[in-house]
Every structure is written in structure tokens, then in C-alpha cells.
Amino acid sequence: MEKAVAYAISAAIAAFGFWILVFGLSSSSPALWTVVALVPITIGIVSAFGPT
């Protein structure tokens, strides 16, 4: 159960990053928001598949 919660949190962090990416692309500065979105996406993926 604890592992499932950990994966859900990691997926939520990555999903938040993808949300920033999608809405950032339609903003006035898409390059900036793309870079900003990479931070939570990377954290979510590394926390899900990184070392335990």
C-alpha cells in the first residue's frame, strides 16, 4: 500500500509538470514555461523510477 501511495504521489508531481507544459505553451513565453515544467516532470519521474 505504501508503494502505491508513493507511485501516486510521483505520478501527481509529473502530471502537474505536464499541466504546466501544456498551459505554458500557449503563454507569451513558451520557452520559459517549458523549462519550468521540466523540473516537476523530472522530479516525478526520478522519484518513481529512481533508486529506493
PDB file of N, CA and C in Angstrom:
ATOM      1  N   MET A   1       0.817  -1.191   0.000  1.00  0.00           N
ATOM      2  CA  MET A   1       0.000   0.000   0.000  1.00  0.00           C
ATOM      3  C   MET A   1       0.869   1.266   0.000  1.00  0.00           C
ATOM      4  N   GLU A   2       1.947   1.221   0.797  1.00  0.00           N
ATOM      5  CA  GLU A   2       2.832   2.388   0.856  1.00  0.00           C
ATOM      6  C   GLU A   2       3.487   2.649  -0.497  1.00  0.00           C
ATOM      7  N   LYS A   3       3.816   1.581  -1.203  1.00  0.00           N
ATOM      8  CA  LYS A   3       4.443   1.733  -2.514  1.00  0.00           C
ATOM      9  C   LYS A   3       3.456   2.343  -3.513  1.00  0.00           C
ATOM     10  N   ALA A   4       2.205   1.957  -3.422  1.00  0.00           N
ATOM     11  CA  ALA A   4       1.179   2.514  -4.314  1.00  0.00           C
ATOM     12  C   ALA A   4       0.982   4.002  -4.062  1.00  0.00           C
ATOM     13  N   VAL A   5       1.009   4.404  -2.816  1.00  0.00           N
ATOM     14  CA  VAL A   5       0.872   5.821  -2.483  1.00  0.00           C
ATOM     15  C   VAL A   5       2.081   6.598  -2.994  1.00  0.00           C
ATOM     16  N   ALA A   6       3.251   6.022  -2.861  1.00  0.00           N
ATOM     17  CA  ALA A   6       4.460   6.686  -3.344  1.00  0.00           C
ATOM     18  C   ALA A   6       4.417   6.870  -4.862  1.00  0.00           C
ATOM     19  N   TYR A   7       3.961   5.846  -5.583  1.00  0.00           N
ATOM     20  CA  TYR A   7       3.840   5.974  -7.034  1.00  0.00           C
ATOM     21  C   TYR A   7       2.769   6.995  -7.414  1.00  0.00           C
ATOM     22  N   ALA A   8       1.680   7.040  -6.654  1.00  0.00           N
ATOM     23  CA  ALA A   8       0.621   8.009  -6.943  1.00  0.00           C
ATOM     24  C   ALA A   8       1.115   9.441  -6.739  1.00  0.00           C
ATOM     25  N   ILE A   9       1.886   9.664  -5.709  1.00  0.00           N
ATOM     26  CA  ILE A   9       2.445  10.995  -5.470  1.00  0.00           C
ATOM     27  C   ILE A   9       3.417  11.369  -6.587  1.00  0.00           C
ATOM     28  N   SER A  10       4.254  10.433  -6.997  1.00  0.00           N
ATOM     29  CA  SER A  10       5.187  10.691  -8.090  1.00  0.00           C
ATOM     30  C   SER A  10       4.443  11.003  -9.386  1.00  0.00           C
ATOM     31  N   ALA A  11       3.376  10.253  -9.641  1.00  0.00           N
ATOM     32  CA  ALA A  11       2.580  10.499 -10.849  1.00  0.00           C
ATOM     33  C   ALA A  11       1.901  11.859 -10.782  1.00  0.00           C
ATOM     34  N   ALA A  12       1.445  12.257  -9.609  1.00  0.00           N
ATOM     35  CA  ALA A  12       0.803  13.565  -9.452  1.00  0.00           C
ATOM     36  C   ALA A  12       1.799  14.699  -9.694  1.00  0.00           C
ATOM     37  N   ILE A  13       3.016  14.537  -9.210  1.00  0.00           N
ATOM     38  CA  ILE A  13       4.044  15.561  -9.434  1.00  0.00           C
ATOM     39  C   ILE A  13       4.359  15.674 -10.923  1.00  0.00           C
ATOM     40  N   ALA A  14       4.520  14.540 -11.596  1.00  0.00           N
ATOM     41  CA  ALA A  14       4.797  14.558 -13.032  1.00  0.00           C
ATOM     42  C   ALA A  14       3.607  15.128 -13.811  1.00  0.00           C
ATOM     43  N   ALA A  15       2.394  14.791 -13.403  1.00  0.00           N
ATOM     44  CA  ALA A  15       1.206  15.320 -14.075  1.00  0.00           C
ATOM     45  C   ALA A  15       1.105  16.829 -13.914  1.00  0.00           C
ATOM     46  N   PHE A  16       1.484  17.323 -12.761  1.00  0.00           N
ATOM     47  CA  PHE A  16       1.498  18.771 -12.551  1.00  0.00           C
ATOM     48  C   PHE A  16       2.488  19.429 -13.510  1.00  0.00           C
ATOM     49  N   GLY A  17       3.623  18.800 -13.724  1.00  0.00           N
ATOM     50  CA  GLY A  17       4.599  19.319 -14.677  1.00  0.00           C
ATOM     51  C   GLY A  17       4.062  19.323 -16.100  1.00  0.00           C
ATOM     52  N   PHE A  18       3.359  18.262 -16.477  1.00  0.00           N
ATOM     53  CA  PHE A  18       2.763  18.224 -17.806  1.00  0.00           C
ATOM     54  C   PHE A  18       1.674  19.279 -17.950  1.00  0.00           C
ATOM     55  N   TRP A  19       0.944  19.539 -16.872  1.00  0.00           N
ATOM     56  CA  TRP A  19      -0.077  20.587 -16.884  1.00  0.00           C
ATOM     57  C   TRP A  19       0.574  21.955 -17.116  1.00  0.00           C
ATOM     58  N   ILE A  20       1.669  22.212 -16.440  1.00  0.00           N
ATOM     59  CA  ILE A  20       2.405  23.465 -16.656  1.00  0.00           C
ATOM     60  C   ILE A  20       2.881  23.535 -18.106  1.00  0.00           C
ATOM     61  N   LEU A  21       3.371  22.432 -18.629  1.00  0.00           N
ATOM     62  CA  LEU A  21       3.866  22.406 -20.001  1.00  0.00           C
ATOM     63  C   LEU A  21       2.761  22.735 -21.003  1.00  0.00           C
ATOM     64  N   VAL A  22       1.616  22.110 -20.858  1.00  0.00           N
ATOM     65  CA  VAL A  22       0.521  22.322 -21.806  1.00  0.00           C
ATOM     66  C   VAL A  22       0.037  23.765 -21.771  1.00  0.00           C
ATOM     67  N   PHE A  23      -0.199  24.295 -20.582  1.00  0.00           N
ATOM     68  CA  PHE A  23      -0.694  25.655 -20.493  1.00  0.00           C
ATOM     69  C   PHE A  23       0.417  26.686 -20.723  1.00  0.00           C
ATOM     70  N   GLY A  24       1.647  26.314 -20.497  1.00  0.00           N
ATOM     71  CA  GLY A  24       2.758  27.218 -20.754  1.00  0.00           C
ATOM     72  C   GLY A  24       3.039  27.416 -22.222  1.00  0.00           C
ATOM     73  N   LEU A  25       2.742  26.402 -23.026  1.00  0.00           N
ATOM     74  CA  LEU A  25       2.979  26.523 -24.461  1.00  0.00           C
ATOM     75  C   LEU A  25       2.077  27.569 -25.102  1.00  0.00           C
ATOM     76  N   SER A  26       0.932  27.835 -24.492  1.00  0.00           N
ATOM     77  CA  SER A  26       0.028  28.835 -25.058  1.00  0.00           C
ATOM     78  C   SER A  26       0.238  30.219 -24.443  1.00  0.00           C
ATOM     79  N   SER A  27       1.259  30.364 -23.617  1.00  0.00           N
ATOM     80  CA  SER A  27       1.513  31.651 -22.976  1.00  0.00           C
ATOM     81  C   SER A  27       2.388  32.528 -23.874  1.00  0.00           C
ATOM     82  N   SER A  28       2.723  33.698 -23.360  1.00  0.00           N
ATOM     83  CA  SER A  28       3.546  34.624 -24.140  1.00  0.00           C
ATOM     84  C   SER A  28       5.022  34.236 -24.139  1.00  0.00           C
ATOM     85  N   SER A  29       5.430  33.363 -23.225  1.00  0.00           N
ATOM     86  CA  SER A  29       6.820  32.937 -23.145  1.00  0.00           C
ATOM     87  C   SER A  29       6.895  31.407 -23.026  1.00  0.00           C
ATOM     88  N   PRO A  30       6.656  30.695 -24.123  1.00  0.00           N
ATOM     89  CA  PRO A  30       6.595  29.236 -24.032  1.00  0.00           C
ATOM     90  C   PRO A  30       7.925  28.580 -23.684  1.00  0.00           C
ATOM     91  N   ALA A  31       9.040  29.166 -24.088  1.00  0.00           N
ATOM     92  CA  ALA A  31      10.333  28.552 -23.777  1.00  0.00           C
ATOM     93  C   ALA A  31      10.589  28.561 -22.274  1.00  0.00           C
ATOM     94  N   LEU A  32      10.253  29.657 -21.618  1.00  0.00           N
ATOM     95  CA  LEU A  32      10.434  29.745 -20.173  1.00  0.00           C
ATOM     96  C   LEU A  32       9.585  28.712 -19.455  1.00  0.00           C
ATOM     97  N   TRP A  33       8.322  28.600 -19.827  1.00  0.00           N
ATOM     98  CA  TRP A  33       7.427  27.664 -19.148  1.00  0.00           C
ATOM     99  C   TRP A  33       7.778  26.213 -19.451  1.00  0.00           C
ATOM    100  N   THR A  34       8.368  25.965 -20.616  1.00  0.00           N
ATOM    101  CA  THR A  34       8.824  24.609 -20.917  1.00  0.00           C
ATOM    102  C   THR A  34       9.949  24.208 -19.975  1.00  0.00           C
ATOM    103  N   VAL A  35      10.874  25.116 -19.746  1.00  0.00           N
ATOM    104  CA  VAL A  35      11.974  24.843 -18.821  1.00  0.00           C
ATOM    105  C   VAL A  35      11.451  24.684 -17.394  1.00  0.00           C
ATOM    106  N   VAL A  36      10.513  25.535 -17.011  1.00  0.00           N
ATOM    107  CA  VAL A  36       9.921  25.439 -15.669  1.00  0.00           C
ATOM    108  C   VAL A  36       9.186  24.111 -15.508  1.00  0.00           C
ATOM    109  N   ALA A  37       8.508  23.647 -16.541  1.00  0.00           N
ATOM    110  CA  ALA A  37       7.754  22.395 -16.472  1.00  0.00           C
ATOM    111  C   ALA A  37       8.664  21.181 -16.366  1.00  0.00           C
ATOM    112  N   LEU A  38       9.878  21.287 -16.880  1.00  0.00           N
ATOM    113  CA  LEU A  38      10.789  20.145 -16.821  1.00  0.00           C
ATOM    114  C   LEU A  38      11.197  19.795 -15.391  1.00  0.00           C
ATOM    115  N   VAL A  39      11.157  20.759 -14.504  1.00  0.00           N
ATOM    116  CA  VAL A  39      11.572  20.494 -13.112  1.00  0.00           C
ATOM    117  C   VAL A  39      10.631  19.495 -12.431  1.00  0.00           C
ATOM    118  N   PRO A  40       9.320  19.753 -12.327  1.00  0.00           N
ATOM    119  CA  PRO A  40       8.466  18.754 -11.668  1.00  0.00           C
ATOM    120  C   PRO A  40       8.335  17.453 -12.454  1.00  0.00           C
ATOM    121  N   ILE A  41       8.420  17.523 -13.787  1.00  0.00           N
ATOM    122  CA  ILE A  41       8.365  16.283 -14.567  1.00  0.00           C
ATOM    123  C   ILE A  41       9.560  15.407 -14.222  1.00  0.00           C
ATOM    124  N   THR A  42      10.732  16.003 -14.166  1.00  0.00           N
ATOM    125  CA  THR A  42      11.939  15.246 -13.837  1.00  0.00           C
ATOM    126  C   THR A  42      11.888  14.702 -12.410  1.00  0.00           C
ATOM    127  N   ILE A  43      11.448  15.524 -11.479  1.00  0.00           N
ATOM    128  CA  ILE A  43      11.355  15.075 -10.086  1.00  0.00           C
ATOM    129  C   ILE A  43      10.371  13.914  -9.954  1.00  0.00           C
ATOM    130  N   GLY A  44       9.233  14.015 -10.630  1.00  0.00           N
ATOM    131  CA  GLY A  44       8.243  12.943 -10.565  1.00  0.00           C
ATOM    132  C   GLY A  44       8.750  11.640 -11.150  1.00  0.00           C
ATOM    133  N   ILE A  45       9.427  11.723 -12.281  1.00  0.00           N
ATOM    134  CA  ILE A  45       9.927  10.508 -12.928  1.00  0.00           C
ATOM    135  C   ILE A  45      11.064   9.883 -12.125  1.00  0.00           C
ATOM    136  N   VAL A  46      11.968  10.713 -11.649  1.00  0.00           N
ATOM    137  CA  VAL A  46      13.100  10.186 -10.864  1.00  0.00           C
ATOM    138  C   VAL A  46      12.601   9.572  -9.550  1.00  0.00           C
ATOM    139  N   SER A  47      11.628  10.208  -8.918  1.00  0.00           N
ATOM    140  CA  SER A  47      11.127   9.653  -7.655  1.00  0.00           C
ATOM    141  C   SER A  47      10.349   8.354  -7.876  1.00  0.00           C
ATOM    142  N   ALA A  48       9.759   8.180  -9.043  1.00  0.00           N
ATOM    143  CA  ALA A  48       9.029   6.956  -9.319  1.00  0.00           C
ATOM    144  C   ALA A  48       9.957   5.805  -9.701  1.00  0.00           C
ATOM    145  N   PHE A  49      10.972   6.088 -10.500  1.00  0.00           N
ATOM    146  CA  PHE A  49      11.803   5.012 -11.034  1.00  0.00           C
ATOM    147  C   PHE A  49      13.233   5.047 -10.538  1.00  0.00           C
ATOM    148  N   GLY A  50      13.548   5.980  -9.652  1.00  0.00           N
ATOM    149  CA  GLY A  50      14.901   6.100  -9.142  1.00  0.00           C
ATOM    150  C   GLY A  50      15.214   5.021  -8.115  1.00  0.00           C
ATOM    151  N   PRO A  51      16.378   5.134  -7.523  1.00  0.00           N
ATOM    152  CA  PRO A  51      16.759   4.133  -6.514  1.00  0.00           C
ATOM    153  C   PRO A  51      15.866   4.204  -5.286  1.00  0.00           C
ATOM    154  N   THR A  52      15.656   3.079  -4.676  1.00  0.00           N
ATOM    155  CA  THR A  52      14.769   3.014  -3.498  1.00  0.00           C
ATOM    156  C   THR A  52      15.530   3.151  -2.222  1.00  0.00           C
TER     157      THR A  52
END
